[in-house]
Amino acid sequence: MDELAQLRDRYLTLTNQSLPQLALERQFPVSMNHCFQRIVLDNLFGQCWYEVLQRGREPAYRQLTQAQLEAAIAIVEAIIAQPDAYMRQLNQNSLRWRSKVPRR
């Protein structure tokens, strides 16, 4: 398996299994895999991920470069390592970029 495929597998394992499992134990604002993926990708790009990547063409994670996948994995690892407030802030960022919460 090449490095890009390994990074994709790692990203999927973290967002589909590790974070949803951790959400059962911690005070995360979300618990579904697609929500974690939204939050990670939005924070990776500093805006809605679909303003950078194409929707519907293929899954977003398959459009990421190696460097982007590495950065996305680093975000997930920070979520795991940091207090729950970090995850809440990343979610607020994502919702703000999507105009789902009022700007402060």
N, C-alpha and C. Protein backbone atom coordinates (compact mmCIF):
# COMPACT_ATOMS: atom_id res chain seq x y z
N MET A 1 0.85 -1.18 0.00
CA MET A 1 0.00 0.00 0.00
C MET A 1 0.90 1.24 0.00
N ASP A 2 0.61 2.18 -0.88
CA ASP A 2 1.43 3.39 -0.95
C ASP A 2 1.09 4.34 0.20
N GLU A 3 1.91 5.37 0.35
CA GLU A 3 1.76 6.29 1.48
C GLU A 3 0.44 7.05 1.44
N LEU A 4 0.00 7.47 0.26
CA LEU A 4 -1.27 8.18 0.15
C LEU A 4 -2.43 7.29 0.59
N ALA A 5 -2.42 6.05 0.17
CA ALA A 5 -3.47 5.10 0.58
C ALA A 5 -3.44 4.87 2.09
N GLN A 6 -2.26 4.80 2.66
CA GLN A 6 -2.14 4.62 4.11
C GLN A 6 -2.70 5.83 4.86
N LEU A 7 -2.40 7.02 4.36
CA LEU A 7 -2.93 8.24 4.98
C LEU A 7 -4.45 8.29 4.88
N ARG A 8 -4.98 7.91 3.74
CA ARG A 8 -6.44 7.88 3.58
C ARG A 8 -7.07 6.90 4.56
N ASP A 9 -6.48 5.72 4.69
CA ASP A 9 -6.99 4.73 5.64
C ASP A 9 -6.94 5.25 7.07
N ARG A 10 -5.85 5.91 7.41
CA ARG A 10 -5.70 6.46 8.76
C ARG A 10 -6.77 7.53 9.01
N TYR A 11 -6.95 8.43 8.06
CA TYR A 11 -7.96 9.48 8.19
C TYR A 11 -9.36 8.86 8.40
N LEU A 12 -9.69 7.88 7.58
CA LEU A 12 -11.00 7.23 7.69
C LEU A 12 -11.17 6.50 9.02
N THR A 13 -10.15 5.82 9.46
CA THR A 13 -10.22 5.13 10.75
C THR A 13 -10.45 6.13 11.88
N LEU A 14 -9.72 7.22 11.84
CA LEU A 14 -9.86 8.24 12.89
C LEU A 14 -11.24 8.89 12.87
N THR A 15 -11.74 9.25 11.69
CA THR A 15 -13.01 9.98 11.63
C THR A 15 -14.23 9.07 11.65
N ASN A 16 -14.09 7.84 11.20
CA ASN A 16 -15.23 6.92 11.19
C ASN A 16 -15.34 6.09 12.45
N GLN A 17 -14.22 5.87 13.13
CA GLN A 17 -14.23 4.99 14.29
C GLN A 17 -13.74 5.67 15.57
N SER A 18 -12.53 6.20 15.53
CA SER A 18 -11.93 6.73 16.76
C SER A 18 -12.72 7.91 17.34
N LEU A 19 -13.00 8.92 16.52
CA LEU A 19 -13.72 10.09 17.05
C LEU A 19 -15.15 9.76 17.48
N PRO A 20 -15.93 9.02 16.69
CA PRO A 20 -17.27 8.67 17.18
C PRO A 20 -17.23 7.86 18.49
N GLN A 21 -16.25 6.98 18.62
CA GLN A 21 -16.12 6.22 19.87
C GLN A 21 -15.75 7.16 21.02
N LEU A 22 -14.83 8.06 20.77
CA LEU A 22 -14.42 9.01 21.80
C LEU A 22 -15.57 9.93 22.20
N ALA A 23 -16.44 10.23 21.27
CA ALA A 23 -17.59 11.10 21.56
C ALA A 23 -18.51 10.48 22.60
N LEU A 24 -18.52 9.16 22.70
CA LEU A 24 -19.33 8.49 23.72
C LEU A 24 -18.79 8.73 25.12
N GLU A 25 -17.50 9.01 25.21
CA GLU A 25 -16.83 9.17 26.50
C GLU A 25 -16.62 10.63 26.88
N ARG A 26 -16.68 11.53 25.90
CA ARG A 26 -16.35 12.93 26.14
C ARG A 26 -17.52 13.83 25.78
N GLN A 27 -17.37 15.10 26.04
CA GLN A 27 -18.44 16.08 25.83
C GLN A 27 -18.26 16.79 24.49
N PHE A 28 -18.31 16.03 23.39
CA PHE A 28 -18.19 16.61 22.06
C PHE A 28 -19.56 17.09 21.61
N PRO A 29 -19.61 18.15 20.80
CA PRO A 29 -20.89 18.66 20.32
C PRO A 29 -21.50 17.81 19.20
N VAL A 30 -20.73 16.88 18.65
CA VAL A 30 -21.20 16.00 17.58
C VAL A 30 -20.75 14.58 17.90
N SER A 31 -21.37 13.61 17.21
CA SER A 31 -20.98 12.22 17.44
C SER A 31 -20.93 11.40 16.15
N MET A 32 -21.41 11.95 15.06
CA MET A 32 -21.48 11.21 13.80
C MET A 32 -20.20 11.43 12.97
N ASN A 33 -19.79 10.39 12.26
CA ASN A 33 -18.56 10.46 11.48
C ASN A 33 -18.57 11.60 10.46
N HIS A 34 -19.67 11.80 9.76
CA HIS A 34 -19.70 12.85 8.75
C HIS A 34 -19.58 14.24 9.37
N CYS A 35 -20.04 14.40 10.60
CA CYS A 35 -19.87 15.69 11.29
C CYS A 35 -18.41 15.93 11.63
N PHE A 36 -17.74 14.89 12.10
CA PHE A 36 -16.30 15.04 12.37
C PHE A 36 -15.54 15.37 11.08
N GLN A 37 -15.91 14.72 10.00
CA GLN A 37 -15.23 14.99 8.73
C GLN A 37 -15.48 16.43 8.28
N ARG A 38 -16.70 16.92 8.44
CA ARG A 38 -17.02 18.31 8.11
C ARG A 38 -16.14 19.25 8.91
N ILE A 39 -16.07 19.03 10.19
CA ILE A 39 -15.32 19.91 11.09
C ILE A 39 -13.83 19.89 10.74
N VAL A 40 -13.29 18.71 10.54
CA VAL A 40 -11.86 18.59 10.23
C VAL A 40 -11.55 19.28 8.90
N LEU A 41 -12.33 18.98 7.88
CA LEU A 41 -12.04 19.56 6.56
C LEU A 41 -12.27 21.07 6.54
N ASP A 42 -13.32 21.54 7.18
CA ASP A 42 -13.55 22.99 7.22
C ASP A 42 -12.39 23.69 7.92
N ASN A 43 -11.92 23.13 9.03
CA ASN A 43 -10.81 23.74 9.75
C ASN A 43 -9.50 23.59 9.00
N LEU A 44 -9.36 22.55 8.22
CA LEU A 44 -8.18 22.38 7.37
C LEU A 44 -8.08 23.53 6.38
N PHE A 45 -9.20 23.89 5.77
CA PHE A 45 -9.21 24.91 4.73
C PHE A 45 -9.54 26.32 5.24
N GLY A 46 -10.04 26.42 6.47
CA GLY A 46 -10.42 27.73 6.99
C GLY A 46 -11.67 28.28 6.34
N GLN A 47 -12.49 27.39 5.80
CA GLN A 47 -13.76 27.73 5.16
C GLN A 47 -14.49 26.42 4.89
N CYS A 48 -15.69 26.51 4.35
CA CYS A 48 -16.41 25.28 3.98
C CYS A 48 -15.56 24.48 3.00
N TRP A 49 -15.37 23.22 3.28
CA TRP A 49 -14.49 22.41 2.44
C TRP A 49 -14.96 22.37 1.00
N TYR A 50 -16.25 22.45 0.77
CA TYR A 50 -16.75 22.35 -0.61
C TYR A 50 -16.57 23.65 -1.40
N GLU A 51 -16.00 24.67 -0.76
CA GLU A 51 -15.59 25.85 -1.51
C GLU A 51 -14.19 25.63 -2.11
N VAL A 52 -13.52 24.57 -1.67
CA VAL A 52 -12.17 24.24 -2.13
C VAL A 52 -12.18 22.96 -2.96
N LEU A 53 -12.90 21.97 -2.49
CA LEU A 53 -12.98 20.67 -3.16
C LEU A 53 -14.31 20.54 -3.88
N GLN A 54 -14.36 19.64 -4.84
CA GLN A 54 -15.61 19.42 -5.58
C GLN A 54 -16.53 18.49 -4.80
N ARG A 55 -17.79 18.85 -4.74
CA ARG A 55 -18.80 17.98 -4.12
C ARG A 55 -19.30 17.00 -5.16
N GLY A 56 -19.52 15.77 -4.74
CA GLY A 56 -20.14 14.79 -5.61
C GLY A 56 -19.22 14.08 -6.59
N ARG A 57 -18.11 14.69 -6.94
CA ARG A 57 -17.21 14.06 -7.91
C ARG A 57 -16.68 12.75 -7.34
N GLU A 58 -16.09 12.85 -6.19
CA GLU A 58 -15.62 11.70 -5.43
C GLU A 58 -15.53 12.17 -3.99
N PRO A 59 -15.40 11.24 -3.04
CA PRO A 59 -15.35 11.67 -1.64
C PRO A 59 -14.27 12.73 -1.41
N ALA A 60 -14.56 13.65 -0.51
CA ALA A 60 -13.63 14.76 -0.25
C ALA A 60 -12.24 14.26 0.13
N TYR A 61 -12.17 13.25 1.00
CA TYR A 61 -10.86 12.78 1.45
C TYR A 61 -10.01 12.25 0.30
N ARG A 62 -10.64 11.76 -0.76
CA ARG A 62 -9.88 11.25 -1.91
C ARG A 62 -9.32 12.38 -2.78
N GLN A 63 -9.82 13.59 -2.57
CA GLN A 63 -9.33 14.75 -3.32
C GLN A 63 -8.17 15.45 -2.61
N LEU A 64 -7.89 15.05 -1.38
CA LEU A 64 -6.84 15.70 -0.60
C LEU A 64 -5.46 15.26 -1.07
N THR A 65 -4.53 16.20 -1.05
CA THR A 65 -3.13 15.88 -1.34
C THR A 65 -2.53 15.18 -0.12
N GLN A 66 -1.35 14.67 -0.28
CA GLN A 66 -0.68 14.04 0.85
C GLN A 66 -0.50 15.03 2.00
N ALA A 67 -0.05 16.24 1.69
CA ALA A 67 0.16 17.26 2.72
C ALA A 67 -1.16 17.62 3.41
N GLN A 68 -2.25 17.71 2.65
CA GLN A 68 -3.55 18.02 3.24
C GLN A 68 -4.03 16.88 4.14
N LEU A 69 -3.82 15.65 3.70
CA LEU A 69 -4.19 14.50 4.54
C LEU A 69 -3.39 14.49 5.83
N GLU A 70 -2.11 14.78 5.74
CA GLU A 70 -1.27 14.83 6.94
C GLU A 70 -1.78 15.91 7.89
N ALA A 71 -2.15 17.06 7.35
CA ALA A 71 -2.66 18.15 8.18
C ALA A 71 -4.03 17.78 8.78
N ALA A 72 -4.88 17.11 8.02
CA ALA A 72 -6.19 16.69 8.53
C ALA A 72 -6.01 15.69 9.67
N ILE A 73 -5.10 14.77 9.50
CA ILE A 73 -4.82 13.79 10.56
C ILE A 73 -4.28 14.50 11.80
N ALA A 74 -3.45 15.51 11.61
CA ALA A 74 -2.92 16.28 12.74
C ALA A 74 -4.06 16.98 13.49
N ILE A 75 -5.05 17.47 12.77
CA ILE A 75 -6.21 18.09 13.42
C ILE A 75 -6.95 17.06 14.26
N VAL A 76 -7.17 15.87 13.71
CA VAL A 76 -7.84 14.81 14.47
C VAL A 76 -7.04 14.45 15.70
N GLU A 77 -5.74 14.31 15.55
CA GLU A 77 -4.90 13.95 16.69
C GLU A 77 -4.93 15.03 17.75
N ALA A 78 -5.04 16.29 17.33
CA ALA A 78 -5.17 17.38 18.30
C ALA A 78 -6.51 17.31 19.02
N ILE A 79 -7.56 16.97 18.30
CA ILE A 79 -8.88 16.80 18.93
C ILE A 79 -8.79 15.73 20.02
N ILE A 80 -8.13 14.65 19.72
CA ILE A 80 -7.99 13.55 20.69
C ILE A 80 -7.18 13.99 21.90
N ALA A 81 -6.11 14.74 21.67
CA ALA A 81 -5.19 15.12 22.74
C ALA A 81 -5.65 16.31 23.58
N GLN A 82 -6.42 17.22 22.96
CA GLN A 82 -6.80 18.46 23.63
C GLN A 82 -8.07 18.27 24.48
N PRO A 83 -8.30 19.21 25.39
CA PRO A 83 -9.57 19.19 26.13
C PRO A 83 -10.76 19.35 25.18
N ASP A 84 -11.92 18.98 25.66
CA ASP A 84 -13.14 19.01 24.83
C ASP A 84 -13.43 20.39 24.27
N ALA A 85 -13.00 21.44 24.94
CA ALA A 85 -13.24 22.80 24.46
C ALA A 85 -12.62 23.01 23.08
N TYR A 86 -11.55 22.33 22.78
CA TYR A 86 -10.91 22.45 21.47
C TYR A 86 -11.86 21.96 20.37
N MET A 87 -12.47 20.83 20.59
CA MET A 87 -13.43 20.28 19.62
C MET A 87 -14.62 21.21 19.47
N ARG A 88 -15.09 21.76 20.57
CA ARG A 88 -16.22 22.69 20.49
C ARG A 88 -15.84 23.93 19.67
N GLN A 89 -14.60 24.42 19.83
CA GLN A 89 -14.17 25.59 19.06
C GLN A 89 -14.08 25.27 17.58
N LEU A 90 -13.54 24.11 17.24
CA LEU A 90 -13.46 23.72 15.83
C LEU A 90 -14.86 23.61 15.23
N ASN A 91 -15.80 23.07 15.98
CA ASN A 91 -17.18 22.97 15.49
C ASN A 91 -17.77 24.36 15.29
N GLN A 92 -17.53 25.27 16.24
CA GLN A 92 -18.04 26.65 16.10
C GLN A 92 -17.44 27.31 14.87
N ASN A 93 -16.14 27.11 14.62
CA ASN A 93 -15.52 27.65 13.41
C ASN A 93 -16.27 27.16 12.17
N SER A 94 -16.49 25.86 12.12
CA SER A 94 -17.14 25.25 10.96
C SER A 94 -18.55 25.81 10.78
N LEU A 95 -19.30 25.89 11.85
CA LEU A 95 -20.67 26.40 11.76
C LEU A 95 -20.68 27.87 11.34
N ARG A 96 -19.73 28.65 11.83
CA ARG A 96 -19.65 30.06 11.46
C ARG A 96 -19.37 30.20 9.96
N TRP A 97 -18.43 29.41 9.45
CA TRP A 97 -18.12 29.47 8.02
C TRP A 97 -19.32 29.07 7.19
N ARG A 98 -20.21 28.29 7.76
CA ARG A 98 -21.41 27.84 7.07
C ARG A 98 -22.62 28.71 7.41
N SER A 99 -22.38 29.80 8.13
CA SER A 99 -23.44 30.74 8.55
C SER A 99 -24.51 30.06 9.37
N LYS A 100 -24.12 29.11 10.18
CA LYS A 100 -25.08 28.40 11.04
C LYS A 100 -25.14 28.98 12.44
N VAL A 101 -24.20 29.84 12.78
CA VAL A 101 -24.22 30.52 14.08
C VAL A 101 -23.94 32.00 13.82
N PRO A 102 -24.45 32.86 14.70
CA PRO A 102 -24.19 34.28 14.51
C PRO A 102 -22.71 34.60 14.70
N ARG A 103 -22.23 35.54 13.91
CA ARG A 103 -20.84 36.01 14.07
C ARG A 103 -20.76 36.88 15.31
N ARG A 104 -19.62 36.76 15.99
CA ARG A 104 -19.43 37.55 17.21
C ARG A 104 -18.65 38.79 16.91
